[in-house]
């Protein structure tokens, strides 16, 4: 499964924004429902991201999120399993 809300919101508002935090909370709720259902069927679950992300300031002064550089924030890829 792919759930792109956190990535989309983080690109739009920055990975440390309130909006990104809200998107993470929504994703956690969605994921907890998925895990509960998958466990009923004795499935293992691996959760990971495809890349990290860092903030950048646009020319209009707003903040967004980007990746693709050789910095620690872009190289961190969360991984967990249950």
C-alpha atoms as a PDB file:
ATOM      1  CA  UNK A   1       0.000   0.000   0.000  1.00  0.00           C
ATOM      2  CA  UNK A   2       1.106   3.557  -0.545  1.00  0.00           C
ATOM      3  CA  UNK A   3      -0.204   6.488   1.465  1.00  0.00           C
ATOM      4  CA  UNK A   4       1.133   9.748   0.078  1.00  0.00           C
ATOM      5  CA  UNK A   5      -0.554  12.331   2.321  1.00  0.00           C
ATOM      6  CA  UNK A   6       2.485  13.027   4.515  1.00  0.00           C
ATOM      7  CA  UNK A   7       4.809  13.395   1.510  1.00  0.00           C
ATOM      8  CA  UNK A   8       2.393  15.695  -0.341  1.00  0.00           C
ATOM      9  CA  UNK A   9       1.721  17.934   2.664  1.00  0.00           C
ATOM     10  CA  UNK A  10       5.402  18.028   3.649  1.00  0.00           C
ATOM     11  CA  UNK A  11       6.362  19.182   0.148  1.00  0.00           C
ATOM     12  CA  UNK A  12       3.692  21.880   0.261  1.00  0.00           C
ATOM     13  CA  UNK A  13       4.300  23.220   3.800  1.00  0.00           C
ATOM     14  CA  UNK A  14       7.611  21.755   4.999  1.00  0.00           C
ATOM     15  CA  UNK A  15       8.320  18.563   6.932  1.00  0.00           C
ATOM     16  CA  UNK A  16       8.270  20.355  10.319  1.00  0.00           C
ATOM     17  CA  UNK A  17       5.058  22.305   9.734  1.00  0.00           C
ATOM     18  CA  UNK A  18       1.853  22.012  11.740  1.00  0.00           C
ATOM     19  CA  UNK A  19       0.181  20.720   8.561  1.00  0.00           C
ATOM     20  CA  UNK A  20       2.758  17.932   8.267  1.00  0.00           C
ATOM     21  CA  UNK A  21       2.165  17.014  11.924  1.00  0.00           C
ATOM     22  CA  UNK A  22      -1.572  16.846  11.264  1.00  0.00           C
ATOM     23  CA  UNK A  23      -0.961  14.647   8.195  1.00  0.00           C
ATOM     24  CA  UNK A  24       1.211  12.329  10.277  1.00  0.00           C
ATOM     25  CA  UNK A  25      -1.542  12.027  12.884  1.00  0.00           C
ATOM     26  CA  UNK A  26      -4.082  11.171  10.159  1.00  0.00           C
ATOM     27  CA  UNK A  27      -1.682   8.611   8.700  1.00  0.00           C
ATOM     28  CA  UNK A  28      -1.153   7.028  12.116  1.00  0.00           C
ATOM     29  CA  UNK A  29      -4.907   6.583  12.556  1.00  0.00           C
ATOM     30  CA  UNK A  30      -5.243   5.061   9.068  1.00  0.00           C
ATOM     31  CA  UNK A  31      -2.258   2.810   9.636  1.00  0.00           C
ATOM     32  CA  UNK A  32      -3.541   1.569  12.997  1.00  0.00           C
ATOM     33  CA  UNK A  33      -6.771   0.443  11.309  1.00  0.00           C
ATOM     34  CA  UNK A  34      -4.808  -1.320   8.558  1.00  0.00           C
ATOM     35  CA  UNK A  35      -2.529  -3.084  11.039  1.00  0.00           C
ATOM     36  CA  UNK A  36      -5.448  -4.269  13.157  1.00  0.00           C
ATOM     37  CA  UNK A  37      -7.131  -5.777  10.106  1.00  0.00           C
ATOM     38  CA  UNK A  38      -3.947  -7.366   8.746  1.00  0.00           C
ATOM     39  CA  UNK A  39      -3.140  -8.941  12.123  1.00  0.00           C
ATOM     40  CA  UNK A  40      -6.517 -10.679  12.085  1.00  0.00           C
ATOM     41  CA  UNK A  41      -5.218 -12.553   9.040  1.00  0.00           C
ATOM     42  CA  UNK A  42      -1.787 -13.194  10.619  1.00  0.00           C
ATOM     43  CA  UNK A  43       0.103 -10.926   8.219  1.00  0.00           C
ATOM     44  CA  UNK A  44       3.415  -9.321   9.096  1.00  0.00           C
ATOM     45  CA  UNK A  45       3.702  -5.619   8.364  1.00  0.00           C
ATOM     46  CA  UNK A  46       6.768  -3.649   7.253  1.00  0.00           C
ATOM     47  CA  UNK A  47       6.448   0.139   7.227  1.00  0.00           C
ATOM     48  CA  UNK A  48       8.964   2.357   5.483  1.00  0.00           C
ATOM     49  CA  UNK A  49       9.341   5.635   3.661  1.00  0.00           C
ATOM     50  CA  UNK A  50      10.957   6.122   0.277  1.00  0.00           C
ATOM     51  CA  UNK A  51      13.146   9.080   1.345  1.00  0.00           C
ATOM     52  CA  UNK A  52      13.673  11.766   3.938  1.00  0.00           C
ATOM     53  CA  UNK A  53      12.982  15.460   3.380  1.00  0.00           C
ATOM     54  CA  UNK A  54      14.296  18.855   4.460  1.00  0.00           C
ATOM     55  CA  UNK A  55      12.850  22.356   4.562  1.00  0.00           C
ATOM     56  CA  UNK A  56      13.639  25.053   2.054  1.00  0.00           C
ATOM     57  CA  UNK A  57      12.525  28.653   1.750  1.00  0.00           C
ATOM     58  CA  UNK A  58      10.846  29.692  -1.495  1.00  0.00           C
ATOM     59  CA  UNK A  59      11.518  33.059  -3.127  1.00  0.00           C
ATOM     60  CA  UNK A  60       8.152  34.313  -1.811  1.00  0.00           C
ATOM     61  CA  UNK A  61       9.227  33.523   1.770  1.00  0.00           C
ATOM     62  CA  UNK A  62       7.033  30.466   2.270  1.00  0.00           C
ATOM     63  CA  UNK A  63       8.522  27.177   3.430  1.00  0.00           C
ATOM     64  CA  UNK A  64       8.267  23.879   1.587  1.00  0.00           C
ATOM     65  CA  UNK A  65       9.897  20.487   1.682  1.00  0.00           C
ATOM     66  CA  UNK A  66      12.324  18.924  -0.757  1.00  0.00           C
ATOM     67  CA  UNK A  67      14.812  16.055  -0.999  1.00  0.00           C
ATOM     68  CA  UNK A  68      17.512  14.682  -3.233  1.00  0.00           C
ATOM     69  CA  UNK A  69      20.550  16.196  -1.544  1.00  0.00           C
ATOM     70  CA  UNK A  70      23.345  14.422   0.276  1.00  0.00           C
ATOM     71  CA  UNK A  71      22.290  15.626   3.736  1.00  0.00           C
ATOM     72  CA  UNK A  72      21.221  13.582   6.746  1.00  0.00           C
ATOM     73  CA  UNK A  73      17.552  14.639   6.641  1.00  0.00           C
ATOM     74  CA  UNK A  74      17.203  13.371   3.066  1.00  0.00           C
ATOM     75  CA  UNK A  75      19.034  10.111   3.790  1.00  0.00           C
ATOM     76  CA  UNK A  76      16.979   9.073   6.818  1.00  0.00           C
ATOM     77  CA  UNK A  77      14.434   6.461   5.749  1.00  0.00           C
ATOM     78  CA  UNK A  78      12.148   5.277   8.557  1.00  0.00           C
ATOM     79  CA  UNK A  79      11.611   1.524   8.801  1.00  0.00           C
ATOM     80  CA  UNK A  80       9.622  -0.496  11.326  1.00  0.00           C
ATOM     81  CA  UNK A  81       7.822  -3.799  11.385  1.00  0.00           C
ATOM     82  CA  UNK A  82       5.242  -5.612  13.420  1.00  0.00           C
END
